């Protein structure tokens, strides 16, 4: 609960110049870093993750790269962000596939074991 509040506070009202360390801390709470990293502390919804990426991750990576020449840190942050989006995409695709498989119009065991839309069967 406290971790989620910290992430939301940074996203909504943080200033990168004043709260640079807080931006990194929020990023560590949202993403996993390293091989033996603990699980994600804060699980954001898709819309919140998009806003977090726009307002925190991209400016943080840009500043780390341009001002401090921390190329590896910036790239790792962007890679972790991309990985989370890929996981969300897979989850969304599987939910759509589950919905399609359970659709009322499609029934199993149609013509010779193939799926036949029940709305087309006579």
Protein backbone atom coordinates (compact mmCIF):
# COMPACT_ATOMS: atom_id res chain seq x y z
CA UNK A 1 0.00 0.00 0.00
CA UNK A 2 2.76 2.44 0.90
CA UNK A 3 4.77 1.45 -2.18
CA UNK A 4 1.77 2.08 -4.43
CA UNK A 5 1.22 5.49 -2.82
CA UNK A 6 4.87 6.40 -3.35
CA UNK A 7 4.70 5.45 -7.03
CA UNK A 8 1.48 7.43 -7.53
CA UNK A 9 2.94 10.47 -5.75
CA UNK A 10 6.01 10.48 -8.00
CA UNK A 11 3.86 10.01 -11.10
CA UNK A 12 1.39 12.75 -10.23
CA UNK A 13 3.52 15.43 -8.64
CA UNK A 14 7.18 14.56 -8.83
CA UNK A 15 9.74 16.90 -10.31
CA UNK A 16 12.64 15.06 -11.90
CA UNK A 17 15.14 17.77 -11.03
CA UNK A 18 14.16 17.80 -7.35
CA UNK A 19 13.25 14.14 -6.83
CA UNK A 20 15.69 12.23 -9.06
CA UNK A 21 16.30 9.53 -6.43
CA UNK A 22 12.57 9.15 -5.82
CA UNK A 23 12.00 8.56 -9.53
CA UNK A 24 14.56 5.74 -9.43
CA UNK A 25 12.99 4.31 -6.27
CA UNK A 26 9.55 4.33 -7.87
CA UNK A 27 10.98 2.60 -10.94
CA UNK A 28 12.52 -0.10 -8.74
CA UNK A 29 9.11 -0.63 -7.10
CA UNK A 30 7.39 -1.08 -10.47
CA UNK A 31 10.05 -3.05 -12.37
CA UNK A 32 12.43 -5.86 -11.45
CA UNK A 33 16.13 -5.21 -11.89
CA UNK A 34 18.89 -7.80 -11.88
CA UNK A 35 18.94 -11.59 -11.88
CA UNK A 36 18.02 -12.13 -8.23
CA UNK A 37 15.55 -9.30 -7.98
CA UNK A 38 12.52 -9.60 -5.71
CA UNK A 39 9.09 -9.75 -7.33
CA UNK A 40 7.44 -6.57 -8.47
CA UNK A 41 6.25 -4.53 -5.49
CA UNK A 42 3.67 -2.42 -7.30
CA UNK A 43 1.44 -3.86 -10.01
CA UNK A 44 -0.03 -1.04 -12.10
CA UNK A 45 -3.01 -1.16 -14.42
CA UNK A 46 -2.28 -0.61 -18.10
CA UNK A 47 -3.41 3.02 -18.08
CA UNK A 48 -1.38 3.78 -14.95
CA UNK A 49 1.67 2.07 -16.43
CA UNK A 50 1.36 4.13 -19.60
CA UNK A 51 1.22 7.35 -17.58
CA UNK A 52 4.08 6.16 -15.35
CA UNK A 53 6.17 5.45 -18.43
CA UNK A 54 5.38 8.83 -19.96
CA UNK A 55 5.93 10.92 -16.83
CA UNK A 56 8.63 8.96 -14.99
CA UNK A 57 10.45 6.33 -17.04
CA UNK A 58 11.15 8.23 -20.25
CA UNK A 59 12.33 11.47 -18.57
CA UNK A 60 14.40 9.45 -16.09
CA UNK A 61 16.09 7.41 -18.81
CA UNK A 62 16.73 10.52 -20.88
CA UNK A 63 18.28 12.39 -17.94
CA UNK A 64 20.37 9.41 -16.88
CA UNK A 65 21.69 9.09 -20.41
CA UNK A 66 22.31 12.76 -21.23
CA UNK A 67 23.35 14.31 -17.91
CA UNK A 68 25.16 11.47 -16.20
CA UNK A 69 26.22 9.24 -19.11
CA UNK A 70 24.62 6.27 -17.35
CA UNK A 71 23.88 4.49 -20.60
CA UNK A 72 23.54 1.03 -19.06
CA UNK A 73 21.14 2.24 -16.37
CA UNK A 74 18.96 4.01 -18.91
CA UNK A 75 18.92 1.01 -21.24
CA UNK A 76 18.11 -1.40 -18.40
CA UNK A 77 15.23 0.81 -17.27
CA UNK A 78 13.81 0.91 -20.79
CA UNK A 79 14.32 -2.85 -21.22
CA UNK A 80 12.47 -3.60 -17.98
CA UNK A 81 9.64 -1.30 -18.99
CA UNK A 82 9.40 -3.03 -22.35
CA UNK A 83 9.32 -6.45 -20.66
CA UNK A 84 6.39 -5.43 -18.47
CA UNK A 85 4.48 -4.17 -21.51
CA UNK A 86 5.17 -7.46 -23.33
CA UNK A 87 3.84 -9.43 -20.34
CA UNK A 88 0.71 -7.28 -20.30
CA UNK A 89 0.26 -7.83 -24.02
CA UNK A 90 0.49 -11.61 -23.60
CA UNK A 91 -2.03 -11.49 -20.77
CA UNK A 92 -4.43 -9.42 -22.84
CA UNK A 93 -4.11 -11.72 -25.86
CA UNK A 94 -4.75 -14.79 -23.70
CA UNK A 95 -7.84 -13.14 -22.17
CA UNK A 96 -9.20 -12.37 -25.63
CA UNK A 97 -8.44 -15.92 -26.74
CA UNK A 98 -10.22 -17.32 -23.64
CA UNK A 99 -13.22 -15.12 -24.37
CA UNK A 100 -13.27 -16.27 -27.99
CA UNK A 101 -13.09 -19.93 -26.96
CA UNK A 102 -15.99 -19.46 -24.53
CA UNK A 103 -18.15 -17.45 -26.89
CA UNK A 104 -21.77 -18.57 -26.99
CA UNK A 105 -21.75 -18.61 -30.77
CA UNK A 106 -18.93 -21.18 -31.01
CA UNK A 107 -19.51 -24.73 -29.86
CA UNK A 108 -17.08 -27.63 -29.79
CA UNK A 109 -17.70 -30.88 -31.60
CA UNK A 110 -19.24 -29.52 -34.76
CA UNK A 111 -18.79 -31.14 -38.13
CA UNK A 112 -16.21 -33.96 -37.79
CA UNK A 113 -14.68 -32.45 -34.64
CA UNK A 114 -14.22 -28.96 -36.09
CA UNK A 115 -15.62 -25.86 -34.51
CA UNK A 116 -18.85 -24.74 -36.10
CA UNK A 117 -20.65 -21.57 -35.11
CA UNK A 118 -23.81 -22.63 -33.32
CA UNK A 119 -25.59 -19.65 -34.78
CA UNK A 120 -25.01 -21.16 -38.25
CA UNK A 121 -25.97 -24.75 -37.42
CA UNK A 122 -29.44 -25.95 -38.26
